[in-house]
């Protein structure tokens, strides 16, 4: 795995997270090529738009922050890379909402 490819993929993921936490749907959509496959709760769907609005998701879950996060880049080459991240979403009082595990594929726009 090239360290340069790994850095590019991690940079794209960090950019996605910044847009997500800013509730910047335009920014998120600038990184996403639709359709996407969304997998959750034992089902998968092909979607033509982003599946959540971050602000609404955070408000509905009373989600304040994510703790115990582990993120790593796995399996890069010159055109794609995978990110695996897990952590624990918590409320302001630090009570646990849920444990999360996500797998994202990033493809280089050419």
PDB file of N, CA and C in Angstrom:
ATOM      1  N   UNK A   1       0.851  -1.173   0.000  1.00  0.00           N
ATOM      2  CA  UNK A   1       0.000   0.000   0.000  1.00  0.00           C
ATOM      3  C   UNK A   1       0.897   1.236   0.000  1.00  0.00           C
ATOM      4  N   UNK A   2       0.719   2.096  -0.948  1.00  0.00           N
ATOM      5  CA  UNK A   2       1.508   3.317  -1.033  1.00  0.00           C
ATOM      6  C   UNK A   2       1.079   4.296   0.057  1.00  0.00           C
ATOM      7  N   UNK A   3       2.048   4.851   0.752  1.00  0.00           N
ATOM      8  CA  UNK A   3       1.753   5.844   1.796  1.00  0.00           C
ATOM      9  C   UNK A   3       1.069   7.070   1.199  1.00  0.00           C
ATOM     10  N   UNK A   4       1.426   7.434  -0.054  1.00  0.00           N
ATOM     11  CA  UNK A   4       0.772   8.575  -0.700  1.00  0.00           C
ATOM     12  C   UNK A   4      -0.698   8.297  -0.948  1.00  0.00           C
ATOM     13  N   UNK A   5      -1.017   7.089  -1.414  1.00  0.00           N
ATOM     14  CA  UNK A   5      -2.421   6.736  -1.649  1.00  0.00           C
ATOM     15  C   UNK A   5      -3.188   6.721  -0.331  1.00  0.00           C
ATOM     16  N   UNK A   6      -2.560   6.175   0.694  1.00  0.00           N
ATOM     17  CA  UNK A   6      -3.186   6.112   2.007  1.00  0.00           C
ATOM     18  C   UNK A   6      -3.494   7.520   2.525  1.00  0.00           C
ATOM     19  N   UNK A   7      -2.547   8.441   2.360  1.00  0.00           N
ATOM     20  CA  UNK A   7      -2.745   9.831   2.800  1.00  0.00           C
ATOM     21  C   UNK A   7      -3.882  10.497   2.023  1.00  0.00           C
ATOM     22  N   UNK A   8      -3.952  10.250   0.717  1.00  0.00           N
ATOM     23  CA  UNK A   8      -5.029  10.828  -0.100  1.00  0.00           C
ATOM     24  C   UNK A   8      -6.404  10.352   0.365  1.00  0.00           C
ATOM     25  N   UNK A   9      -6.509   9.067   0.638  1.00  0.00           N
ATOM     26  CA  UNK A   9      -7.784   8.498   1.070  1.00  0.00           C
ATOM     27  C   UNK A   9      -8.159   9.044   2.444  1.00  0.00           C
ATOM     28  N   UNK A  10      -7.207   9.105   3.350  1.00  0.00           N
ATOM     29  CA  UNK A  10      -7.486   9.633   4.682  1.00  0.00           C
ATOM     30  C   UNK A  10      -7.890  11.106   4.602  1.00  0.00           C
ATOM     31  N   UNK A  11      -7.257  11.857   3.720  1.00  0.00           N
ATOM     32  CA  UNK A  11      -7.611  13.267   3.530  1.00  0.00           C
ATOM     33  C   UNK A  11      -9.058  13.391   3.038  1.00  0.00           C
ATOM     34  N   UNK A  12      -9.450  12.549   2.099  1.00  0.00           N
ATOM     35  CA  UNK A  12     -10.826  12.579   1.589  1.00  0.00           C
ATOM     36  C   UNK A  12     -11.820  12.236   2.697  1.00  0.00           C
ATOM     37  N   UNK A  13     -11.483  11.263   3.538  1.00  0.00           N
ATOM     38  CA  UNK A  13     -12.356  10.887   4.651  1.00  0.00           C
ATOM     39  C   UNK A  13     -12.478  12.028   5.658  1.00  0.00           C
ATOM     40  N   UNK A  14     -11.363  12.667   5.968  1.00  0.00           N
ATOM     41  CA  UNK A  14     -11.387  13.787   6.908  1.00  0.00           C
ATOM     42  C   UNK A  14     -12.200  14.954   6.346  1.00  0.00           C
ATOM     43  N   UNK A  15     -12.114  15.163   5.030  1.00  0.00           N
ATOM     44  CA  UNK A  15     -12.918  16.205   4.387  1.00  0.00           C
ATOM     45  C   UNK A  15     -14.405  15.858   4.492  1.00  0.00           C
ATOM     46  N   UNK A  16     -14.740  14.599   4.254  1.00  0.00           N
ATOM     47  CA  UNK A  16     -16.119  14.135   4.405  1.00  0.00           C
ATOM     48  C   UNK A  16     -16.613  14.383   5.829  1.00  0.00           C
ATOM     49  N   UNK A  17     -15.813  14.017   6.836  1.00  0.00           N
ATOM     50  CA  UNK A  17     -16.221  14.224   8.226  1.00  0.00           C
ATOM     51  C   UNK A  17     -16.444  15.696   8.542  1.00  0.00           C
ATOM     52  N   UNK A  18     -15.565  16.560   8.046  1.00  0.00           N
ATOM     53  CA  UNK A  18     -15.721  18.001   8.282  1.00  0.00           C
ATOM     54  C   UNK A  18     -17.049  18.491   7.691  1.00  0.00           C
ATOM     55  N   UNK A  19     -17.354  18.079   6.465  1.00  0.00           N
ATOM     56  CA  UNK A  19     -18.632  18.452   5.858  1.00  0.00           C
ATOM     57  C   UNK A  19     -19.798  17.889   6.660  1.00  0.00           C
ATOM     58  N   UNK A  20     -19.670  16.651   7.110  1.00  0.00           N
ATOM     59  CA  UNK A  20     -20.746  16.002   7.861  1.00  0.00           C
ATOM     60  C   UNK A  20     -21.031  16.780   9.145  1.00  0.00           C
ATOM     61  N   UNK A  21     -20.008  17.078   9.925  1.00  0.00           N
ATOM     62  CA  UNK A  21     -20.221  17.755  11.199  1.00  0.00           C
ATOM     63  C   UNK A  21     -20.610  19.223  11.040  1.00  0.00           C
ATOM     64  N   UNK A  22     -20.365  19.792   9.860  1.00  0.00           N
ATOM     65  CA  UNK A  22     -20.837  21.149   9.558  1.00  0.00           C
ATOM     66  C   UNK A  22     -22.228  21.129   8.923  1.00  0.00           C
ATOM     67  N   UNK A  23     -22.789  19.928   8.760  1.00  0.00           N
ATOM     68  CA  UNK A  23     -24.087  19.764   8.096  1.00  0.00           C
ATOM     69  C   UNK A  23     -24.072  20.394   6.701  1.00  0.00           C
ATOM     70  N   UNK A  24     -22.960  20.245   6.021  1.00  0.00           N
ATOM     71  CA  UNK A  24     -22.756  20.831   4.700  1.00  0.00           C
ATOM     72  C   UNK A  24     -23.093  19.790   3.627  1.00  0.00           C
ATOM     73  N   UNK A  25     -24.361  19.729   3.271  1.00  0.00           N
ATOM     74  CA  UNK A  25     -24.803  18.737   2.292  1.00  0.00           C
ATOM     75  C   UNK A  25     -24.184  18.979   0.918  1.00  0.00           C
ATOM     76  N   UNK A  26     -23.981  20.223   0.571  1.00  0.00           N
ATOM     77  CA  UNK A  26     -23.343  20.521  -0.714  1.00  0.00           C
ATOM     78  C   UNK A  26     -21.918  19.965  -0.731  1.00  0.00           C
ATOM     79  N   UNK A  27     -21.202  20.143   0.374  1.00  0.00           N
ATOM     80  CA  UNK A  27     -19.847  19.599   0.475  1.00  0.00           C
ATOM     81  C   UNK A  27     -19.840  18.082   0.420  1.00  0.00           C
ATOM     82  N   UNK A  28     -20.745  17.455   1.184  1.00  0.00           N
ATOM     83  CA  UNK A  28     -20.842  15.990   1.156  1.00  0.00           C
ATOM     84  C   UNK A  28     -21.106  15.522  -0.267  1.00  0.00           C
ATOM     85  N   UNK A  29     -22.091  16.133  -0.909  1.00  0.00           N
ATOM     86  CA  UNK A  29     -22.457  15.713  -2.262  1.00  0.00           C
ATOM     87  C   UNK A  29     -21.343  15.964  -3.277  1.00  0.00           C
ATOM     88  N   UNK A  30     -20.435  16.911  -2.968  1.00  0.00           N
ATOM     89  CA  UNK A  30     -19.310  17.151  -3.883  1.00  0.00           C
ATOM     90  C   UNK A  30     -18.323  15.985  -3.843  1.00  0.00           C
ATOM     91  N   UNK A  31     -18.364  15.197  -2.777  1.00  0.00           N
ATOM     92  CA  UNK A  31     -17.459  14.060  -2.634  1.00  0.00           C
ATOM     93  C   UNK A  31     -18.081  12.740  -3.072  1.00  0.00           C
ATOM     94  N   UNK A  32     -19.381  12.731  -3.239  1.00  0.00           N
ATOM     95  CA  UNK A  32     -20.104  11.483  -3.476  1.00  0.00           C
ATOM     96  C   UNK A  32     -20.546  11.399  -4.928  1.00  0.00           C
ATOM     97  N   UNK A  33     -20.334  10.239  -5.513  1.00  0.00           N
ATOM     98  CA  UNK A  33     -20.832   9.972  -6.854  1.00  0.00           C
ATOM     99  C   UNK A  33     -21.988   8.986  -6.718  1.00  0.00           C
ATOM    100  N   UNK A  34     -23.154   9.409  -7.129  1.00  0.00           N
ATOM    101  CA  UNK A  34     -24.353   8.585  -7.006  1.00  0.00           C
ATOM    102  C   UNK A  34     -24.576   7.765  -8.261  1.00  0.00           C
ATOM    103  N   UNK A  35     -25.218   6.605  -8.121  1.00  0.00           N
ATOM    104  CA  UNK A  35     -25.833   6.056  -6.912  1.00  0.00           C
ATOM    105  C   UNK A  35     -24.784   5.485  -5.968  1.00  0.00           C
ATOM    106  N   UNK A  36     -25.167   5.387  -4.690  1.00  0.00           N
ATOM    107  CA  UNK A  36     -24.333   4.753  -3.686  1.00  0.00           C
ATOM    108  C   UNK A  36     -25.095   3.559  -3.115  1.00  0.00           C
ATOM    109  N   UNK A  37     -24.361   2.631  -2.549  1.00  0.00           N
ATOM    110  CA  UNK A  37     -24.989   1.512  -1.863  1.00  0.00           C
ATOM    111  C   UNK A  37     -24.896   1.791  -0.372  1.00  0.00           C
ATOM    112  N   UNK A  38     -26.035   1.794   0.278  1.00  0.00           N
ATOM    113  CA  UNK A  38     -26.127   2.050   1.713  1.00  0.00           C
ATOM    114  C   UNK A  38     -26.523   0.745   2.382  1.00  0.00           C
ATOM    115  N   UNK A  39     -25.716   0.318   3.339  1.00  0.00           N
ATOM    116  CA  UNK A  39     -25.970  -0.943   4.038  1.00  0.00           C
ATOM    117  C   UNK A  39     -26.158  -0.632   5.515  1.00  0.00           C
ATOM    118  N   UNK A  40     -27.301  -1.037   6.056  1.00  0.00           N
ATOM    119  CA  UNK A  40     -27.578  -0.827   7.479  1.00  0.00           C
ATOM    120  C   UNK A  40     -28.709  -1.733   7.912  1.00  0.00           C
ATOM    121  N   UNK A  41     -28.661  -2.142   9.158  1.00  0.00           N
ATOM    122  CA  UNK A  41     -29.748  -2.933   9.756  1.00  0.00           C
ATOM    123  C   UNK A  41     -30.171  -4.121   8.901  1.00  0.00           C
ATOM    124  N   UNK A  42     -29.185  -4.825   8.350  1.00  0.00           N
ATOM    125  CA  UNK A  42     -29.481  -6.044   7.615  1.00  0.00           C
ATOM    126  C   UNK A  42     -30.046  -5.865   6.223  1.00  0.00           C
ATOM    127  N   UNK A  43     -29.978  -4.673   5.683  1.00  0.00           N
ATOM    128  CA  UNK A  43     -30.474  -4.461   4.319  1.00  0.00           C
ATOM    129  C   UNK A  43     -29.521  -3.542   3.559  1.00  0.00           C
ATOM    130  N   UNK A  44     -29.602  -3.597   2.261  1.00  0.00           N
ATOM    131  CA  UNK A  44     -28.821  -2.685   1.434  1.00  0.00           C
ATOM    132  C   UNK A  44     -29.748  -2.012   0.438  1.00  0.00           C
ATOM    133  N   UNK A  45     -29.403  -0.758   0.118  1.00  0.00           N
ATOM    134  CA  UNK A  45     -30.212   0.031  -0.794  1.00  0.00           C
ATOM    135  C   UNK A  45     -29.292   0.785  -1.742  1.00  0.00           C
ATOM    136  N   UNK A  46     -29.744   0.938  -2.965  1.00  0.00           N
ATOM    137  CA  UNK A  46     -29.065   1.803  -3.910  1.00  0.00           C
ATOM    138  C   UNK A  46     -29.758   3.162  -3.838  1.00  0.00           C
ATOM    139  N   UNK A  47     -28.981   4.208  -3.542  1.00  0.00           N
ATOM    140  CA  UNK A  47     -29.562   5.529  -3.324  1.00  0.00           C
ATOM    141  C   UNK A  47     -29.022   6.550  -4.312  1.00  0.00           C
ATOM    142  N   UNK A  48     -29.895   7.493  -4.677  1.00  0.00           N
ATOM    143  CA  UNK A  48     -29.516   8.587  -5.566  1.00  0.00           C
ATOM    144  C   UNK A  48     -29.302   9.892  -4.815  1.00  0.00           C
ATOM    145  N   UNK A  49     -29.388   9.835  -3.480  1.00  0.00           N
ATOM    146  CA  UNK A  49     -29.104  10.999  -2.644  1.00  0.00           C
ATOM    147  C   UNK A  49     -28.557  10.495  -1.314  1.00  0.00           C
ATOM    148  N   UNK A  50     -27.899  11.379  -0.597  1.00  0.00           N
ATOM    149  CA  UNK A  50     -27.298  11.003   0.674  1.00  0.00           C
ATOM    150  C   UNK A  50     -28.405  10.577   1.640  1.00  0.00           C
ATOM    151  N   UNK A  51     -28.207   9.481   2.386  1.00  0.00           N
ATOM    152  CA  UNK A  51     -29.302   8.886   3.162  1.00  0.00           C
ATOM    153  C   UNK A  51     -29.729   9.641   4.415  1.00  0.00           C
ATOM    154  N   UNK A  52     -28.936  10.582   4.887  1.00  0.00           N
ATOM    155  CA  UNK A  52     -29.304  11.310   6.103  1.00  0.00           C
ATOM    156  C   UNK A  52     -28.942  12.779   5.965  1.00  0.00           C
ATOM    157  N   UNK A  53     -29.588  13.589   6.781  1.00  0.00           N
ATOM    158  CA  UNK A  53     -29.163  14.971   6.969  1.00  0.00           C
ATOM    159  C   UNK A  53     -28.466  14.996   8.325  1.00  0.00           C
ATOM    160  N   UNK A  54     -27.181  15.292   8.356  1.00  0.00           N
ATOM    161  CA  UNK A  54     -26.427  15.181   9.601  1.00  0.00           C
ATOM    162  C   UNK A  54     -27.072  15.915  10.782  1.00  0.00           C
ATOM    163  N   UNK A  55     -27.521  17.140  10.570  1.00  0.00           N
ATOM    164  CA  UNK A  55     -28.100  17.911  11.667  1.00  0.00           C
ATOM    165  C   UNK A  55     -29.315  17.200  12.255  1.00  0.00           C
ATOM    166  N   UNK A  56     -30.199  16.723  11.395  1.00  0.00           N
ATOM    167  CA  UNK A  56     -31.399  16.017  11.874  1.00  0.00           C
ATOM    168  C   UNK A  56     -31.022  14.725  12.586  1.00  0.00           C
ATOM    169  N   UNK A  57     -30.053  14.011  12.052  1.00  0.00           N
ATOM    170  CA  UNK A  57     -29.605  12.762  12.673  1.00  0.00           C
ATOM    171  C   UNK A  57     -29.061  13.031  14.075  1.00  0.00           C
ATOM    172  N   UNK A  58     -28.245  14.068  14.200  1.00  0.00           N
ATOM    173  CA  UNK A  58     -27.665  14.407  15.495  1.00  0.00           C
ATOM    174  C   UNK A  58     -28.741  14.820  16.494  1.00  0.00           C
ATOM    175  N   UNK A  59     -29.697  15.624  16.036  1.00  0.00           N
ATOM    176  CA  UNK A  59     -30.780  16.057  16.917  1.00  0.00           C
ATOM    177  C   UNK A  59     -31.663  14.881  17.332  1.00  0.00           C
ATOM    178  N   UNK A  60     -32.023  14.022  16.378  1.00  0.00           N
ATOM    179  CA  UNK A  60     -32.899  12.887  16.676  1.00  0.00           C
ATOM    180  C   UNK A  60     -32.260  11.906  17.659  1.00  0.00           C
ATOM    181  N   UNK A  61     -30.961  11.730  17.546  1.00  0.00           N
ATOM    182  CA  UNK A  61     -30.265  10.779  18.422  1.00  0.00           C
ATOM    183  C   UNK A  61     -29.730  11.438  19.694  1.00  0.00           C
ATOM    184  N   UNK A  62     -29.838  12.779  19.764  1.00  0.00           N
ATOM    185  CA  UNK A  62     -29.219  13.548  20.856  1.00  0.00           C
ATOM    186  C   UNK A  62     -27.718  13.289  20.897  1.00  0.00           C
ATOM    187  N   UNK A  63     -27.139  13.153  19.719  1.00  0.00           N
ATOM    188  CA  UNK A  63     -25.731  12.804  19.548  1.00  0.00           C
ATOM    189  C   UNK A  63     -24.871  14.043  19.746  1.00  0.00           C
ATOM    190  N   UNK A  64     -23.975  13.980  20.725  1.00  0.00           N
ATOM    191  CA  UNK A  64     -23.072  15.096  20.999  1.00  0.00           C
ATOM    192  C   UNK A  64     -21.714  14.892  20.344  1.00  0.00           C
ATOM    193  N   UNK A  65     -21.145  13.698  20.525  1.00  0.00           N
ATOM    194  CA  UNK A  65     -19.819  13.435  19.971  1.00  0.00           C
ATOM    195  C   UNK A  65     -19.616  11.929  19.832  1.00  0.00           C
ATOM    196  N   UNK A  66     -18.481  11.577  19.277  1.00  0.00           N
ATOM    197  CA  UNK A  66     -18.105  10.168  19.150  1.00  0.00           C
ATOM    198  C   UNK A  66     -16.786   9.970  19.888  1.00  0.00           C
ATOM    199  N   UNK A  67     -16.739   8.930  20.716  1.00  0.00           N
ATOM    200  CA  UNK A  67     -15.537   8.651  21.496  1.00  0.00           C
ATOM    201  C   UNK A  67     -14.962   7.291  21.093  1.00  0.00           C
ATOM    202  N   UNK A  68     -13.754   7.037  21.556  1.00  0.00           N
ATOM    203  CA  UNK A  68     -13.086   5.748  21.308  1.00  0.00           C
ATOM    204  C   UNK A  68     -13.039   5.414  19.816  1.00  0.00           C
ATOM    205  N   UNK A  69     -12.792   6.424  18.999  1.00  0.00           N
ATOM    206  CA  UNK A  69     -12.772   6.244  17.549  1.00  0.00           C
ATOM    207  C   UNK A  69     -11.462   5.625  17.096  1.00  0.00           C
ATOM    208  N   UNK A  70     -11.573   4.636  16.226  1.00  0.00           N
ATOM    209  CA  UNK A  70     -10.421   4.031  15.565  1.00  0.00           C
ATOM    210  C   UNK A  70     -10.708   4.054  14.070  1.00  0.00           C
ATOM    211  N   UNK A  71      -9.811   4.644  13.320  1.00  0.00           N
ATOM    212  CA  UNK A  71      -9.993   4.757  11.873  1.00  0.00           C
ATOM    213  C   UNK A  71      -8.711   4.347  11.183  1.00  0.00           C
ATOM    214  N   UNK A  72      -8.852   3.546  10.147  1.00  0.00           N
ATOM    215  CA  UNK A  72      -7.661   3.221   9.369  1.00  0.00           C
ATOM    216  C   UNK A  72      -8.033   3.031   7.907  1.00  0.00           C
ATOM    217  N   UNK A  73      -7.024   3.240   7.085  1.00  0.00           N
ATOM    218  CA  UNK A  73      -7.162   3.083   5.637  1.00  0.00           C
ATOM    219  C   UNK A  73      -6.708   1.677   5.292  1.00  0.00           C
ATOM    220  N   UNK A  74      -7.460   1.031   4.430  1.00  0.00           N
ATOM    221  CA  UNK A  74      -7.184  -0.356   4.090  1.00  0.00           C
ATOM    222  C   UNK A  74      -7.327  -0.554   2.588  1.00  0.00           C
ATOM    223  N   UNK A  75      -6.337  -1.125   1.963  1.00  0.00           N
ATOM    224  CA  UNK A  75      -6.452  -1.536   0.571  1.00  0.00           C
ATOM    225  C   UNK A  75      -6.503  -0.423  -0.447  1.00  0.00           C
ATOM    226  N   UNK A  76      -5.476   0.404  -0.527  1.00  0.00           N
ATOM    227  CA  UNK A  76      -5.463   1.484  -1.514  1.00  0.00           C
ATOM    228  C   UNK A  76      -4.691   1.090  -2.765  1.00  0.00           C
ATOM    229  N   UNK A  77      -5.021   1.760  -3.840  1.00  0.00           N
ATOM    230  CA  UNK A  77      -4.193   1.745  -5.048  1.00  0.00           C
ATOM    231  C   UNK A  77      -4.327   3.125  -5.671  1.00  0.00           C
ATOM    232  N   UNK A  78      -3.933   3.299  -6.896  1.00  0.00           N
ATOM    233  CA  UNK A  78      -3.914   4.639  -7.489  1.00  0.00           C
ATOM    234  C   UNK A  78      -5.310   5.205  -7.764  1.00  0.00           C
ATOM    235  N   UNK A  79      -6.355   4.374  -7.706  1.00  0.00           N
ATOM    236  CA  UNK A  79      -7.698   4.869  -8.019  1.00  0.00           C
ATOM    237  C   UNK A  79      -8.721   4.702  -6.906  1.00  0.00           C
ATOM    238  N   UNK A  80      -8.420   3.911  -5.879  1.00  0.00           N
ATOM    239  CA  UNK A  80      -9.419   3.711  -4.830  1.00  0.00           C
ATOM    240  C   UNK A  80      -8.768   3.332  -3.504  1.00  0.00           C
ATOM    241  N   UNK A  81      -9.578   3.468  -2.474  1.00  0.00           N
ATOM    242  CA  UNK A  81      -9.128   3.075  -1.150  1.00  0.00           C
ATOM    243  C   UNK A  81     -10.316   2.877  -0.238  1.00  0.00           C
ATOM    244  N   UNK A  82     -10.103   2.130   0.806  1.00  0.00           N
ATOM    245  CA  UNK A  82     -11.170   1.816   1.751  1.00  0.00           C
ATOM    246  C   UNK A  82     -10.813   2.376   3.124  1.00  0.00           C
ATOM    247  N   UNK A  83     -11.825   2.893   3.808  1.00  0.00           N
ATOM    248  CA  UNK A  83     -11.661   3.382   5.170  1.00  0.00           C
ATOM    249  C   UNK A  83     -12.577   2.570   6.069  1.00  0.00           C
ATOM    250  N   UNK A  84     -12.031   2.132   7.177  1.00  0.00           N
ATOM    251  CA  UNK A  84     -12.809   1.430   8.196  1.00  0.00           C
ATOM    252  C   UNK A  84     -12.700   2.263   9.464  1.00  0.00           C
ATOM    253  N   UNK A  85     -13.852   2.563  10.052  1.00  0.00           N
ATOM    254  CA  UNK A  85     -13.863   3.371  11.258  1.00  0.00           C
ATOM    255  C   UNK A  85     -14.899   2.829  12.230  1.00  0.00           C
ATOM    256  N   UNK A  86     -14.577   2.911  13.500  1.00  0.00           N
ATOM    257  CA  UNK A  86     -15.537   2.503  14.519  1.00  0.00           C
ATOM    258  C   UNK A  86     -15.385   3.420  15.716  1.00  0.00           C
ATOM    259  N   UNK A  87     -16.438   3.480  16.496  1.00  0.00           N
ATOM    260  CA  UNK A  87     -16.422   4.332  17.674  1.00  0.00           C
ATOM    261  C   UNK A  87     -17.727   4.188  18.430  1.00  0.00           C
ATOM    262  N   UNK A  88     -17.910   5.053  19.402  1.00  0.00           N
ATOM    263  CA  UNK A  88     -19.107   5.038  20.230  1.00  0.00           C
ATOM    264  C   UNK A  88     -19.728   6.427  20.213  1.00  0.00           C
ATOM    265  N   UNK A  89     -20.965   6.524  19.764  1.00  0.00           N
ATOM    266  CA  UNK A  89     -21.689   7.792  19.788  1.00  0.00           C
ATOM    267  C   UNK A  89     -22.285   7.983  21.175  1.00  0.00           C
ATOM    268  N   UNK A  90     -22.096   9.217  21.706  1.00  0.00           N
ATOM    269  CA  UNK A  90     -22.594   9.514  23.053  1.00  0.00           C
ATOM    270  C   UNK A  90     -23.349  10.841  23.078  1.00  0.00           C
ATOM    271  N   UNK A  91     -24.198  10.968  24.093  1.00  0.00           N
ATOM    272  CA  UNK A  91     -24.925  12.212  24.360  1.00  0.00           C
ATOM    273  C   UNK A  91     -24.036  13.147  25.183  1.00  0.00           C
ATOM    274  N   UNK A  92     -24.533  14.361  25.439  1.00  0.00           N
ATOM    275  CA  UNK A  92     -23.774  15.333  26.240  1.00  0.00           C
ATOM    276  C   UNK A  92     -23.427  14.787  27.617  1.00  0.00           C
ATOM    277  N   UNK A  93     -24.324  13.983  28.203  1.00  0.00           N
ATOM    278  CA  UNK A  93     -24.054  13.415  29.529  1.00  0.00           C
ATOM    279  C   UNK A  93     -23.148  12.183  29.455  1.00  0.00           C
ATOM    280  N   UNK A  94     -22.635  11.884  28.257  1.00  0.00           N
ATOM    281  CA  UNK A  94     -21.724  10.768  27.955  1.00  0.00           C
ATOM    282  C   UNK A  94     -22.401   9.405  27.971  1.00  0.00           C
ATOM    283  N   UNK A  95     -23.739   9.371  28.059  1.00  0.00           N
ATOM    284  CA  UNK A  95     -24.429   8.087  27.955  1.00  0.00           C
ATOM    285  C   UNK A  95     -24.336   7.600  26.506  1.00  0.00           C
ATOM    286  N   UNK A  96     -24.214   6.302  26.365  1.00  0.00           N
ATOM    287  CA  UNK A  96     -23.989   5.694  25.050  1.00  0.00           C
ATOM    288  C   UNK A  96     -25.279   5.645  24.245  1.00  0.00           C
ATOM    289  N   UNK A  97     -25.190   6.085  23.002  1.00  0.00           N
ATOM    290  CA  UNK A  97     -26.296   5.971  22.046  1.00  0.00           C
ATOM    291  C   UNK A  97     -26.148   4.656  21.289  1.00  0.00           C
ATOM    292  N   UNK A  98     -24.953   4.461  20.727  1.00  0.00           N
ATOM    293  CA  UNK A  98     -24.716   3.264  19.922  1.00  0.00           C
ATOM    294  C   UNK A  98     -23.238   3.115  19.614  1.00  0.00           C
ATOM    295  N   UNK A  99     -22.855   1.905  19.342  1.00  0.00           N
ATOM    296  CA  UNK A  99     -21.525   1.600  18.809  1.00  0.00           C
ATOM    297  C   UNK A  99     -21.662   1.642  17.295  1.00  0.00           C
ATOM    298  N   UNK A 100     -20.700   2.230  16.629  1.00  0.00           N
ATOM    299  CA  UNK A 100     -20.771   2.315  15.164  1.00  0.00           C
ATOM    300  C   UNK A 100     -19.569   1.630  14.537  1.00  0.00           C
ATOM    301  N   UNK A 101     -19.790   1.155  13.343  1.00  0.00           N
ATOM    302  CA  UNK A 101     -18.743   0.559  12.519  1.00  0.00           C
ATOM    303  C   UNK A 101     -19.092   0.932  11.090  1.00  0.00           C
ATOM    304  N   UNK A 102     -18.178   1.583  10.407  1.00  0.00           N
ATOM    305  CA  UNK A 102     -18.490   1.943   9.020  1.00  0.00           C
ATOM    306  C   UNK A 102     -17.336   1.581   8.100  1.00  0.00           C
ATOM    307  N   UNK A 103     -17.712   1.282   6.886  1.00  0.00           N
ATOM    308  CA  UNK A 103     -16.784   0.932   5.820  1.00  0.00           C
ATOM    309  C   UNK A 103     -17.123   1.829   4.645  1.00  0.00           C
ATOM    310  N   UNK A 104     -16.167   2.617   4.187  1.00  0.00           N
ATOM    311  CA  UNK A 104     -16.393   3.527   3.073  1.00  0.00           C
ATOM    312  C   UNK A 104     -15.387   3.241   1.971  1.00  0.00           C
ATOM    313  N   UNK A 105     -15.837   3.327   0.738  1.00  0.00           N
ATOM    314  CA  UNK A 105     -14.974   3.177  -0.429  1.00  0.00           C
ATOM    315  C   UNK A 105     -14.799   4.538  -1.084  1.00  0.00           C
ATOM    316  N   UNK A 106     -13.584   4.905  -1.341  1.00  0.00           N
ATOM    317  CA  UNK A 106     -13.293   6.164  -2.020  1.00  0.00           C
ATOM    318  C   UNK A 106     -12.660   5.868  -3.373  1.00  0.00           C
ATOM    319  N   UNK A 107     -13.190   6.514  -4.404  1.00  0.00           N
ATOM    320  CA  UNK A 107     -12.660   6.372  -5.756  1.00  0.00           C
ATOM    321  C   UNK A 107     -12.178   7.735  -6.213  1.00  0.00           C
ATOM    322  N   UNK A 108     -11.044   7.749  -6.855  1.00  0.00           N
ATOM    323  CA  UNK A 108     -10.466   8.993  -7.349  1.00  0.00           C
ATOM    324  C   UNK A 108     -11.208   9.443  -8.595  1.00  0.00           C
ATOM    325  N   UNK A 109     -11.632  10.717  -8.591  1.00  0.00           N
ATOM    326  CA  UNK A 109     -12.242  11.281  -9.801  1.00  0.00           C
ATOM    327  C   UNK A 109     -11.166  11.506 -10.838  1.00  0.00           C
ATOM    328  N   UNK A 110     -11.408  10.995 -12.027  1.00  0.00           N
ATOM    329  CA  UNK A 110     -10.415  11.172 -13.094  1.00  0.00           C
ATOM    330  C   UNK A 110     -11.032  11.850 -14.280  1.00  0.00           C
TER     331      UNK A 110
END
